[in-house]
Amino acid sequence: MNLTEWKQKCAAVEAEYKKQIAAAADADVLEAARVASLGRKGALTELLKNLKDFSIEEKKEAGPLGNELKKNLEAAFESKEMTLVAAKLNADLEKTNIDLTLPGAPVAAGHYHPLTIALNRMTAVLSKLGFVWADGPQIEEEKYNFDYLNIPAHHPARDMQDTFFIAGKPGMVLRTHTSNVQVRYMEKNKPPLRIMSPGRVFRKDDIDASHSPVFNQIEGLYVDKNVSLADLKSDLTAFMKGLFGAKAEVRFRPSYFPFVEPGVEVDVKCVFCDGKSPCAFCKGTGWKEMLGAGIVHPQVLRNVGIDPEVYSGYAFGMGVERLAMMLLNIKDIRAFYENDLRILRQF
């Protein structure tokens, strides 16, 4: 094949496939034409292979012509493809009764989970009392979860029935309280200090209206010189009234916790029954224990390198679910974890 014949065949290929491009009614037909012309065994590809048989002078003339033809066909295919896409879109729009000038449908906005609402309220009140946020690991070493808190190995809290131990990891547990955060914080920071430590904790409790093996807790710690039970009572009364209102009734009862001495339980008048009718939440007593607290045991301070002869402090711990139940009139703790939108959308 000489150069003249080659040029004629190139012109014929261009005319033929531009005709097919123009006549293509859908993407499949167009793609078939593309493969037939520009594919590895396409008509134009075969013609360009003949360039090797031409002289150098002929190649100088034929090469640019072949490249220009290839670019022209590629541009024609691309243009036709865009036309077909636009045509299909317009056809689909004509089949539907949609006014594109109308505003879009509103998207349902999410909102805070009841536990988040309660936790935000608690941290807001504690922040006003000077407490700062501190955090720690949920999978914890026994020394931080128990030993440093003056809970010896024989204490019931160390029993397998109460604590989730990590299989294959001796000495590791799912933390049973956020007191581990207090210990870690005191190791790295010296008094005066005032922290709150919210977080998820794990205990092998039965599941009923007021107990769950997984729940959220917030603890507070204040260590300074001359901190007394009077400071604890003053601050926790302010905390409870900040949560439940200035008229909330609060009472303190002696209690025992191995990491505080003396220890107290803080109760609030039940918001459901006021003690005048049977109540699953307060068990008919009219009061609900909200938190445990007390003066930090001297041994706990020694364990973290703080001299109990110079410093003292108080600590407290409270369940977030318990507060949320009282604030939002929820009588079953399981409602927080069942993800029933009929309940969650109320808050």
Protein backbone atom coordinates (compact mmCIF):
# COMPACT_ATOMS: atom_id res chain seq x y z
CA MET A 1 0.00 0.00 0.00
CA ASN A 2 1.42 3.34 -1.08
CA LEU A 3 0.94 6.65 0.69
CA THR A 4 -1.90 7.80 -1.56
CA GLU A 5 -3.90 4.63 -1.01
CA TRP A 6 -3.24 4.89 2.72
CA LYS A 7 -4.60 8.44 2.81
CA GLN A 8 -7.71 7.37 0.93
CA LYS A 9 -8.36 4.54 3.38
CA CYS A 10 -7.86 6.93 6.33
CA ALA A 11 -10.42 9.29 4.86
CA ALA A 12 -12.82 6.39 4.34
CA VAL A 13 -12.37 5.20 7.93
CA GLU A 14 -13.01 8.69 9.25
CA ALA A 15 -16.14 9.14 7.14
CA GLU A 16 -17.50 5.70 8.01
CA TYR A 17 -17.10 5.98 11.78
CA LYS A 18 -18.26 9.56 12.00
CA LYS A 19 -21.37 8.32 10.24
CA GLN A 20 -21.73 5.52 12.81
CA ILE A 21 -21.14 7.98 15.65
CA ALA A 22 -23.86 10.25 14.39
CA ALA A 23 -26.28 7.33 14.02
CA ALA A 24 -25.54 5.75 17.44
CA ALA A 25 -28.76 5.69 19.45
CA ASP A 26 -27.37 4.48 22.75
CA ALA A 27 -24.17 3.98 24.70
CA ASP A 28 -23.79 0.31 23.73
CA VAL A 29 -23.86 1.03 20.00
CA LEU A 30 -21.42 3.90 20.47
CA GLU A 31 -19.03 1.71 22.41
CA ALA A 32 -19.14 -0.96 19.72
CA ALA A 33 -18.17 1.64 17.13
CA ARG A 34 -15.36 2.86 19.36
CA VAL A 35 -13.89 -0.62 19.66
CA ALA A 36 -14.27 -1.24 15.92
CA SER A 37 -12.36 1.92 15.05
CA LEU A 38 -9.94 2.65 17.91
CA GLY A 39 -9.63 -0.73 19.64
CA ARG A 40 -6.47 -2.86 19.53
CA LYS A 41 -7.71 -4.52 16.36
CA GLY A 42 -9.77 -1.57 15.13
CA ALA A 43 -9.74 -0.18 11.60
CA LEU A 44 -7.69 2.90 12.41
CA THR A 45 -5.25 0.91 14.56
CA GLU A 46 -4.60 -1.45 11.65
CA LEU A 47 -3.99 1.47 9.29
CA LEU A 48 -1.49 3.04 11.67
CA LYS A 49 0.44 -0.22 11.78
CA ASN A 50 1.19 0.26 8.05
CA LEU A 51 3.32 3.30 8.87
CA LYS A 52 6.26 0.98 9.44
CA ASP A 53 6.34 0.13 5.73
CA PHE A 54 6.70 3.77 4.62
CA SER A 55 9.92 5.64 3.99
CA ILE A 56 11.14 8.24 6.43
CA GLU A 57 9.82 11.06 4.25
CA GLU A 58 6.42 9.36 3.92
CA LYS A 59 6.27 8.77 7.66
CA LYS A 60 6.83 12.50 8.24
CA GLU A 61 3.68 13.19 6.25
CA ALA A 62 1.55 10.18 7.25
CA GLY A 63 2.31 10.26 10.99
CA PRO A 64 0.71 13.65 11.73
CA LEU A 65 -2.26 12.74 9.53
CA GLY A 66 -2.84 9.50 11.47
CA ASN A 67 -2.56 11.23 14.82
CA GLU A 68 -4.96 13.97 13.73
CA LEU A 69 -7.48 11.38 12.53
CA LYS A 70 -7.28 9.51 15.84
CA LYS A 71 -7.82 12.72 17.83
CA ASN A 72 -10.77 13.68 15.62
CA LEU A 73 -12.46 10.34 16.17
CA GLU A 74 -11.80 10.38 19.92
CA ALA A 75 -13.29 13.89 20.13
CA ALA A 76 -16.32 12.78 18.12
CA PHE A 77 -16.90 9.77 20.38
CA GLU A 78 -16.58 11.93 23.52
CA SER A 79 -18.97 14.55 22.20
CA LYS A 80 -21.53 11.92 21.23
CA GLU A 81 -21.23 10.24 24.61
CA MET A 82 -22.00 13.51 26.38
CA THR A 83 -24.96 14.03 24.07
CA LEU A 84 -26.33 10.57 24.86
CA VAL A 85 -25.90 11.09 28.60
CA ALA A 86 -27.73 14.42 28.45
CA ALA A 87 -30.48 12.88 26.31
CA LYS A 88 -30.96 10.01 28.77
CA LEU A 89 -31.11 12.40 31.69
CA ASN A 90 -33.70 14.57 29.94
CA ALA A 91 -35.73 11.49 29.04
CA ASP A 92 -35.67 10.30 32.65
CA LEU A 93 -36.73 13.72 33.87
CA GLU A 94 -39.62 13.79 31.43
CA LYS A 95 -40.86 10.50 32.87
CA THR A 96 -40.99 11.95 36.37
CA ASN A 97 -43.13 14.70 37.79
CA ILE A 98 -40.38 16.56 39.62
CA ASP A 99 -40.06 20.32 39.79
CA LEU A 100 -36.34 20.94 40.16
CA THR A 101 -37.00 24.53 41.23
CA LEU A 102 -38.67 23.36 44.45
CA PRO A 103 -36.58 23.30 47.65
CA GLY A 104 -35.24 19.92 48.72
CA ALA A 105 -37.04 17.72 51.23
CA PRO A 106 -35.94 18.47 54.79
CA VAL A 107 -33.50 16.01 56.35
CA ALA A 108 -34.35 14.83 59.82
CA ALA A 109 -31.87 16.35 62.27
CA GLY A 110 -30.41 14.26 65.05
CA HIS A 111 -30.43 15.26 68.68
CA TYR A 112 -28.68 14.43 71.91
CA HIS A 113 -29.19 11.03 73.54
CA PRO A 114 -30.80 11.27 77.01
CA LEU A 115 -27.53 10.15 78.62
CA THR A 116 -25.66 12.91 76.83
CA ILE A 117 -28.25 15.42 78.03
CA ALA A 118 -27.76 14.27 81.61
CA LEU A 119 -23.96 14.17 81.36
CA ASN A 120 -23.81 17.66 79.85
CA ARG A 121 -25.90 18.96 82.71
CA MET A 122 -23.68 17.31 85.30
CA THR A 123 -20.42 18.52 83.79
CA ALA A 124 -21.84 22.04 83.41
CA VAL A 125 -22.65 22.23 87.13
CA LEU A 126 -19.32 20.73 88.17
CA SER A 127 -17.45 23.11 85.87
CA LYS A 128 -19.04 26.01 87.72
CA LEU A 129 -17.72 24.47 90.94
CA GLY A 130 -14.19 24.49 89.51
CA PHE A 131 -13.83 20.87 88.36
CA VAL A 132 -11.90 20.12 85.16
CA TRP A 133 -12.37 17.12 82.86
CA ALA A 134 -10.01 14.12 83.13
CA ASP A 135 -10.10 10.81 81.26
CA GLY A 136 -8.51 7.36 81.44
CA PRO A 137 -8.56 3.82 79.95
CA GLN A 138 -11.60 1.53 80.12
CA ILE A 139 -9.40 -1.60 80.17
CA GLU A 140 -7.38 -1.10 83.31
CA GLU A 141 -4.67 -2.67 85.46
CA GLU A 142 -5.88 -4.02 88.78
CA LYS A 143 -3.47 -1.80 90.65
CA TYR A 144 -5.22 1.32 89.37
CA ASN A 145 -8.73 -0.10 89.56
CA PHE A 146 -8.32 -1.73 93.00
CA ASP A 147 -4.91 -1.75 94.74
CA TYR A 148 -4.18 1.98 94.81
CA LEU A 149 -7.77 2.58 95.95
CA ASN A 150 -7.23 0.58 99.14
CA ILE A 151 -9.28 -2.38 97.86
CA PRO A 152 -7.34 -5.52 98.87
CA ALA A 153 -7.38 -8.77 96.93
CA HIS A 154 -9.90 -10.40 99.28
CA HIS A 155 -12.45 -7.58 98.90
CA PRO A 156 -15.78 -8.64 97.31
CA ALA A 157 -15.28 -6.08 94.53
CA ARG A 158 -12.39 -8.21 93.31
CA ASP A 159 -14.60 -11.29 92.96
CA MET A 160 -15.25 -12.68 89.48
CA GLN A 161 -19.00 -12.29 90.09
CA ASP A 162 -18.65 -8.49 90.24
CA THR A 163 -15.84 -7.73 87.83
CA PHE A 164 -15.17 -8.52 84.19
CA PHE A 165 -11.61 -9.83 83.91
CA ILE A 166 -9.83 -9.86 80.54
CA ALA A 167 -9.24 -13.42 79.31
CA GLY A 168 -5.56 -14.15 78.70
CA LYS A 169 -4.50 -10.85 80.28
CA PRO A 170 -3.71 -11.46 83.96
CA GLY A 171 -4.22 -8.38 86.11
CA MET A 172 -6.37 -6.60 83.53
CA VAL A 173 -10.07 -5.77 84.05
CA LEU A 174 -12.84 -3.71 82.57
CA ARG A 175 -12.86 -0.80 84.98
CA THR A 176 -15.61 -1.02 87.59
CA HIS A 177 -15.57 2.74 88.24
CA THR A 178 -13.79 5.81 86.93
CA SER A 179 -11.75 6.06 90.13
CA ASN A 180 -8.84 4.75 88.09
CA VAL A 181 -8.76 8.17 86.44
CA GLN A 182 -8.39 9.83 89.85
CA VAL A 183 -5.43 7.62 90.74
CA ARG A 184 -3.67 8.17 87.43
CA TYR A 185 -4.27 11.92 87.64
CA MET A 186 -2.86 12.16 91.18
CA GLU A 187 0.23 10.21 90.08
CA LYS A 188 1.05 12.87 87.49
CA ASN A 189 -0.34 16.02 89.15
CA LYS A 190 0.21 17.34 92.64
CA PRO A 191 -2.31 19.28 94.76
CA PRO A 192 -4.25 21.44 94.65
CA LEU A 193 -6.38 19.58 92.11
CA ARG A 194 -10.08 19.35 91.34
CA ILE A 195 -11.20 16.95 88.58
CA MET A 196 -14.29 15.21 87.24
CA SER A 197 -13.96 11.92 85.37
CA PRO A 198 -16.98 10.86 83.30
CA GLY A 199 -16.93 7.55 81.44
CA ARG A 200 -18.34 4.09 80.83
CA VAL A 201 -17.85 1.41 83.51
CA PHE A 202 -18.59 -2.31 83.71
CA ARG A 203 -19.92 -4.52 86.50
CA LYS A 204 -21.45 -7.98 86.46
CA ASP A 205 -24.83 -6.73 87.65
CA ASP A 206 -28.21 -8.20 86.90
CA ILE A 207 -30.30 -6.35 84.33
CA ASP A 208 -33.44 -4.82 85.81
CA ALA A 209 -35.21 -1.47 85.95
CA SER A 210 -32.32 0.23 87.75
CA HIS A 211 -29.21 -1.90 87.01
CA SER A 212 -27.13 -2.69 83.96
CA PRO A 213 -23.76 -4.44 83.52
CA VAL A 214 -22.64 -1.47 81.41
CA PHE A 215 -23.40 2.06 82.53
CA ASN A 216 -21.94 5.54 82.70
CA GLN A 217 -20.46 7.16 85.75
CA ILE A 218 -19.01 10.51 86.69
CA GLU A 219 -16.64 10.89 89.60
CA GLY A 220 -15.16 13.95 91.25
CA LEU A 221 -12.00 14.50 93.25
CA TYR A 222 -10.83 17.52 95.21
CA VAL A 223 -7.46 17.46 96.99
CA ASP A 224 -5.93 20.44 98.76
CA LYS A 225 -4.85 21.52 102.22
CA ASN A 226 -7.53 21.37 104.93
CA VAL A 227 -10.28 19.79 102.81
CA SER A 228 -12.96 18.51 105.18
CA LEU A 229 -16.35 16.80 105.26
CA ALA A 230 -17.88 20.27 105.45
CA ASP A 231 -16.41 21.07 102.02
CA LEU A 232 -17.81 17.82 100.65
CA LYS A 233 -21.28 18.49 102.04
CA SER A 234 -21.29 22.07 100.78
CA ASP A 235 -20.14 21.21 97.26
CA LEU A 236 -22.36 18.14 96.82
CA THR A 237 -25.41 20.02 98.08
CA ALA A 238 -24.68 22.69 95.50
CA PHE A 239 -24.19 19.97 92.89
CA MET A 240 -27.55 18.29 93.65
CA LYS A 241 -29.43 21.60 93.73
CA GLY A 242 -27.76 22.58 90.47
CA LEU A 243 -29.14 19.40 88.93
CA PHE A 244 -32.60 19.26 90.49
CA GLY A 245 -33.33 22.87 91.39
CA ALA A 246 -32.98 25.03 94.46
CA LYS A 247 -35.89 23.28 96.19
CA ALA A 248 -34.39 19.79 95.89
CA GLU A 249 -34.20 17.93 99.20
CA VAL A 250 -30.81 16.34 99.89
CA ARG A 251 -29.71 14.11 102.74
CA PHE A 252 -26.40 12.54 103.76
CA ARG A 253 -26.15 9.10 105.39
CA PRO A 254 -23.06 7.35 106.79
CA SER A 255 -21.74 4.58 104.55
CA TYR A 256 -18.61 2.55 103.91
CA PHE A 257 -16.28 2.61 100.93
CA PRO A 258 -12.71 1.27 101.26
CA PHE A 259 -11.13 4.26 99.54
CA VAL A 260 -12.72 6.97 101.71
CA GLU A 261 -12.97 7.50 105.46
CA PRO A 262 -15.47 8.63 106.57
CA GLY A 263 -17.89 7.73 103.77
CA VAL A 264 -21.39 8.98 103.03
CA GLU A 265 -24.26 8.29 100.69
CA VAL A 266 -26.08 11.26 99.20
CA ASP A 267 -29.80 10.88 98.58
CA VAL A 268 -32.33 13.08 96.78
CA LYS A 269 -36.09 13.06 97.30
CA CYS A 270 -37.66 10.79 94.65
CA VAL A 271 -39.16 12.80 91.81
CA PHE A 272 -41.57 9.99 90.86
CA CYS A 273 -43.48 9.21 94.04
CA ASP A 274 -42.27 11.42 96.88
CA GLY A 275 -42.53 8.32 99.07
CA LYS A 276 -46.33 8.33 98.97
CA SER A 277 -46.94 5.39 96.62
CA PRO A 278 -45.25 2.14 95.51
CA CYS A 279 -42.32 3.05 93.26
CA ALA A 280 -39.92 0.70 91.47
CA PHE A 281 -37.33 3.46 91.27
CA CYS A 282 -36.99 4.32 94.97
CA LYS A 283 -38.66 1.11 96.18
CA GLY A 284 -41.26 3.13 98.06
CA THR A 285 -38.80 4.88 100.39
CA GLY A 286 -39.30 8.32 98.89
CA TRP A 287 -35.53 8.80 98.56
CA LYS A 288 -33.08 7.72 95.89
CA GLU A 289 -29.39 7.24 96.51
CA MET A 290 -27.64 9.42 93.93
CA LEU A 291 -23.98 8.99 94.78
CA GLY A 292 -21.40 7.72 97.20
CA ALA A 293 -18.74 10.02 98.59
CA GLY A 294 -16.30 10.60 101.41
CA ILE A 295 -12.96 11.92 102.54
CA VAL A 296 -10.14 10.31 100.58
CA HIS A 297 -8.49 7.58 102.65
CA PRO A 298 -4.94 8.55 103.75
CA GLN A 299 -3.57 5.31 102.28
CA VAL A 300 -4.90 6.23 98.84
CA LEU A 301 -2.97 9.50 99.02
CA ARG A 302 0.18 7.67 100.11
CA ASN A 303 -0.18 5.23 97.20
CA VAL A 304 0.16 8.08 94.72
CA GLY A 305 2.90 9.96 96.55
CA ILE A 306 0.80 12.63 98.29
CA ASP A 307 1.48 13.29 101.98
CA PRO A 308 -1.81 12.86 103.92
CA GLU A 309 -0.33 14.87 106.78
CA VAL A 310 -0.25 17.90 104.50
CA TYR A 311 -3.15 17.30 102.10
CA SER A 312 -6.64 15.90 102.33
CA GLY A 313 -9.48 15.59 99.89
CA TYR A 314 -12.89 14.27 99.07
CA ALA A 315 -14.15 12.05 96.27
CA PHE A 316 -17.57 11.09 94.96
CA GLY A 317 -19.04 8.89 92.25
CA MET A 318 -22.44 9.03 90.55
CA GLY A 319 -24.26 7.11 87.82
CA VAL A 320 -25.28 9.15 84.80
CA GLU A 321 -28.22 6.85 84.02
CA ARG A 322 -29.62 7.38 87.49
CA LEU A 323 -29.66 11.12 87.02
CA ALA A 324 -31.13 10.85 83.52
CA MET A 325 -33.95 8.67 84.86
CA MET A 326 -34.88 11.28 87.43
CA LEU A 327 -34.46 14.32 85.19
CA LEU A 328 -36.35 12.85 82.23
CA ASN A 329 -38.92 10.72 84.10
CA ILE A 330 -37.59 7.43 82.70
CA LYS A 331 -38.42 4.51 84.98
CA ASP A 332 -36.39 1.73 83.32
CA ILE A 333 -32.65 1.96 82.66
CA ARG A 334 -32.97 -0.45 79.74
CA ALA A 335 -34.69 2.28 77.73
CA PHE A 336 -31.30 3.95 77.26
CA TYR A 337 -29.82 0.96 75.43
CA GLU A 338 -32.71 -0.52 73.46
CA ASN A 339 -32.54 2.29 70.86
CA ASP A 340 -36.31 2.54 70.59
CA LEU A 341 -36.75 5.77 68.63
CA ARG A 342 -40.26 6.19 70.01
CA ILE A 343 -38.62 6.80 73.38
CA LEU A 344 -35.45 8.61 72.33
CA ARG A 345 -37.33 11.11 70.14
CA GLN A 346 -39.12 12.44 73.20
CA PHE A 347 -35.98 14.12 74.50
